[in-house]
Amino acid sequence: MLLTGLVLGLTPPGHRGEPEASHPLHVSYGSMVLEGDFVVLKVRMFQDDLETVLGQFHNIGSLRLRADPIVDSLFTGYFNTKFTLAIGDSTVQGAVVASGESDDMWWFTVLFEGWEPITEISFRNDLLFDLFDDQRNITRVLYTPTERHRTYYSVATDPETHRFSAHD
């Protein structure tokens, strides 16, 4: 059946037409910290998945990640369309402040700036949902003054906006 699908050009379930990945999971891991007027997010994704999605998003044929301001800019452009963060009623854009490679993962540190101490946020993490139907995004949020934390799980088949409050 798989051979028939390949000959006919059919896409396997859970995949949107890209070559088979070198890993069985499609997942991103995020660690978000609310501290004072800032939200800092460190997000990690598999390098091959990220290269594929950034190449598609920016119409670049063969993209290879490297520690470079141009790659950071490419990621920022994609990130701000797929990860939305609201402080109060205002959506805030993120800015990449650091990036790097760790084994077969790539990480970015993204900074969001508020205008007063941040105690409540809402966010939607749709990273890589445009590439994989089986994508999973895990985001841990920590409010530093009280060490209150919560972990959120986002799936491509049922994306949602998550809310975090230091007061609940």
Protein backbone atom coordinates (compact mmCIF):
# COMPACT_ATOMS: atom_id res chain seq x y z
CA MET A 1 0.00 0.00 0.00
CA LEU A 2 2.84 2.39 0.84
CA LEU A 3 4.50 1.60 -2.50
CA THR A 4 1.20 2.27 -4.30
CA GLY A 5 0.89 5.56 -2.44
CA LEU A 6 4.42 6.56 -3.38
CA VAL A 7 3.84 5.69 -7.06
CA LEU A 8 0.56 7.62 -7.12
CA GLY A 9 2.03 10.53 -5.16
CA LEU A 10 -0.24 10.11 -2.15
CA THR A 11 0.80 11.71 1.13
CA PRO A 12 1.10 9.41 4.16
CA PRO A 13 -1.27 10.27 7.05
CA GLY A 14 0.03 12.95 9.42
CA HIS A 15 2.42 14.41 6.89
CA ARG A 16 2.01 17.25 4.41
CA GLY A 17 4.12 16.16 1.47
CA GLU A 18 7.65 16.48 2.83
CA PRO A 19 10.25 13.68 2.85
CA GLU A 20 10.08 11.37 5.85
CA ALA A 21 11.74 12.96 8.87
CA SER A 22 14.78 11.43 10.54
CA HIS A 23 12.91 11.25 13.84
CA PRO A 24 9.53 9.73 14.73
CA LEU A 25 8.12 12.72 16.65
CA HIS A 26 7.11 16.17 15.50
CA VAL A 27 7.36 18.23 18.66
CA SER A 28 8.57 21.57 19.97
CA TYR A 29 9.47 22.36 23.56
CA GLY A 30 9.06 25.83 24.98
CA SER A 31 10.01 27.27 28.33
CA MET A 32 8.46 30.69 29.00
CA VAL A 33 9.32 32.90 31.98
CA LEU A 34 7.34 35.94 33.12
CA GLU A 35 9.66 38.27 34.98
CA GLY A 36 8.88 41.93 35.56
CA ASP A 37 8.01 43.69 32.30
CA PHE A 38 9.33 40.84 30.14
CA VAL A 39 8.35 37.44 28.86
CA VAL A 40 11.26 35.28 27.72
CA LEU A 41 10.61 32.13 25.70
CA LYS A 42 13.22 29.53 24.83
CA VAL A 43 11.83 27.20 22.19
CA ARG A 44 13.48 24.08 20.74
CA MET A 45 12.57 22.20 17.56
CA PHE A 46 14.12 19.49 15.45
CA GLN A 47 16.56 21.08 13.04
CA ASP A 48 15.32 19.27 9.93
CA ASP A 49 11.69 20.22 10.63
CA LEU A 50 12.66 23.84 11.17
CA GLU A 51 14.78 23.99 8.01
CA THR A 52 11.86 22.59 6.00
CA VAL A 53 9.23 24.96 7.39
CA LEU A 54 11.44 28.07 7.14
CA GLY A 55 12.40 27.14 3.57
CA GLN A 56 8.73 26.76 2.62
CA PHE A 57 7.63 29.90 4.48
CA HIS A 58 10.28 32.09 2.86
CA ASN A 59 10.38 30.26 -0.53
CA ILE A 60 14.02 29.25 -0.06
CA GLY A 61 14.91 26.01 -1.82
CA SER A 62 17.56 24.53 0.45
CA LEU A 63 17.89 26.24 3.82
CA ARG A 64 20.55 25.20 6.33
CA LEU A 65 20.36 26.64 9.84
CA ARG A 66 23.39 28.35 11.32
CA ALA A 67 24.05 30.85 14.10
CA ASP A 68 23.54 33.99 12.06
CA PRO A 69 21.43 37.17 12.28
CA ILE A 70 19.86 36.37 8.89
CA VAL A 71 18.61 32.97 10.13
CA ASP A 72 17.36 34.65 13.32
CA SER A 73 15.46 37.13 11.14
CA LEU A 74 13.96 34.33 9.03
CA PHE A 75 12.83 32.54 12.17
CA THR A 76 11.41 35.77 13.66
CA GLY A 77 9.29 36.33 10.55
CA TYR A 78 7.88 32.83 10.75
CA PHE A 79 7.60 32.76 14.55
CA ASN A 80 5.52 35.93 14.81
CA THR A 81 2.91 34.48 12.43
CA LYS A 82 2.66 31.16 14.31
CA PHE A 83 3.15 32.09 17.97
CA THR A 84 0.91 34.85 19.26
CA LEU A 85 1.28 36.33 22.72
CA ALA A 86 -1.11 38.83 24.27
CA ILE A 87 -0.51 40.87 27.37
CA GLY A 88 -3.89 42.19 28.39
CA ASP A 89 -5.69 43.13 25.17
CA SER A 90 -2.48 43.82 23.22
CA THR A 91 -0.67 41.33 21.01
CA VAL A 92 3.10 41.64 21.42
CA GLN A 93 5.68 40.65 18.78
CA GLY A 94 8.69 38.61 19.83
CA ALA A 95 12.32 39.37 19.01
CA VAL A 96 15.00 36.68 18.81
CA VAL A 97 17.86 37.53 21.18
CA ALA A 98 19.85 34.28 20.92
CA SER A 99 19.89 31.00 18.99
CA GLY A 100 21.93 27.87 18.63
CA GLU A 101 22.19 24.17 17.97
CA SER A 102 21.98 21.33 20.47
CA ASP A 103 22.36 17.84 18.98
CA ASP A 104 19.63 17.52 16.34
CA MET A 105 17.58 20.34 17.88
CA TRP A 106 17.74 24.08 17.24
CA TRP A 107 16.77 26.60 19.91
CA PHE A 108 15.79 30.25 19.89
CA THR A 109 15.37 32.64 22.79
CA VAL A 110 12.58 35.09 22.06
CA LEU A 111 11.95 38.25 24.11
CA PHE A 112 8.56 39.95 24.49
CA GLU A 113 8.42 43.32 26.20
CA GLY A 114 5.49 44.62 28.23
CA TRP A 115 4.86 48.02 29.77
CA GLU A 116 4.30 47.03 33.41
CA PRO A 117 4.86 43.92 35.51
CA ILE A 118 3.26 41.02 33.64
CA THR A 119 1.04 38.67 35.65
CA GLU A 120 -1.33 37.41 32.94
CA ILE A 121 -0.84 36.36 29.35
CA SER A 122 -2.62 34.45 26.64
CA PHE A 123 -0.80 32.68 23.86
CA ARG A 124 -1.30 30.40 20.91
CA ASN A 125 1.52 28.12 19.78
CA ASP A 126 0.93 26.99 16.19
CA LEU A 127 4.60 26.38 15.35
CA LEU A 128 5.05 23.75 12.61
CA PHE A 129 1.30 23.07 12.40
CA ASP A 130 1.53 24.14 8.76
CA LEU A 131 3.98 21.30 8.10
CA PHE A 132 2.84 18.33 10.19
CA ASP A 133 -0.67 17.17 11.09
CA ASP A 134 0.78 15.25 14.05
CA GLN A 135 2.81 18.21 15.42
CA ARG A 136 2.79 18.63 19.22
CA ASN A 137 3.93 21.79 21.01
CA ILE A 138 4.67 21.76 24.72
CA THR A 139 5.03 25.11 26.48
CA ARG A 140 5.90 25.48 30.16
CA VAL A 141 5.13 28.88 31.72
CA LEU A 142 6.80 30.08 34.92
CA TYR A 143 5.93 33.21 36.89
CA THR A 144 9.16 33.95 38.77
CA PRO A 145 8.04 35.97 41.79
CA THR A 146 5.93 33.08 43.12
CA GLU A 147 7.38 30.14 41.15
CA ARG A 148 3.85 29.40 39.92
CA HIS A 149 4.05 27.31 36.77
CA ARG A 150 1.88 25.44 34.34
CA THR A 151 2.49 23.30 31.26
CA TYR A 152 0.37 23.62 28.11
CA TYR A 153 -0.03 21.20 25.24
CA SER A 154 -0.96 22.31 21.72
CA VAL A 155 -1.88 19.99 18.86
CA ALA A 156 -2.31 20.74 15.18
CA THR A 157 -5.69 19.01 15.03
CA ASP A 158 -7.17 21.19 17.78
CA PRO A 159 -5.24 24.47 18.16
CA GLU A 160 -6.31 26.71 21.01
CA THR A 161 -5.40 29.86 22.87
CA HIS A 162 -4.01 29.21 26.33
CA ARG A 163 -4.32 31.58 29.30
CA PHE A 164 -1.96 31.88 32.22
CA SER A 165 -2.52 33.97 35.33
CA ALA A 166 -0.25 34.36 38.31
CA HIS A 167 -3.40 34.87 40.43
CA ASP A 168 -5.24 31.57 39.78
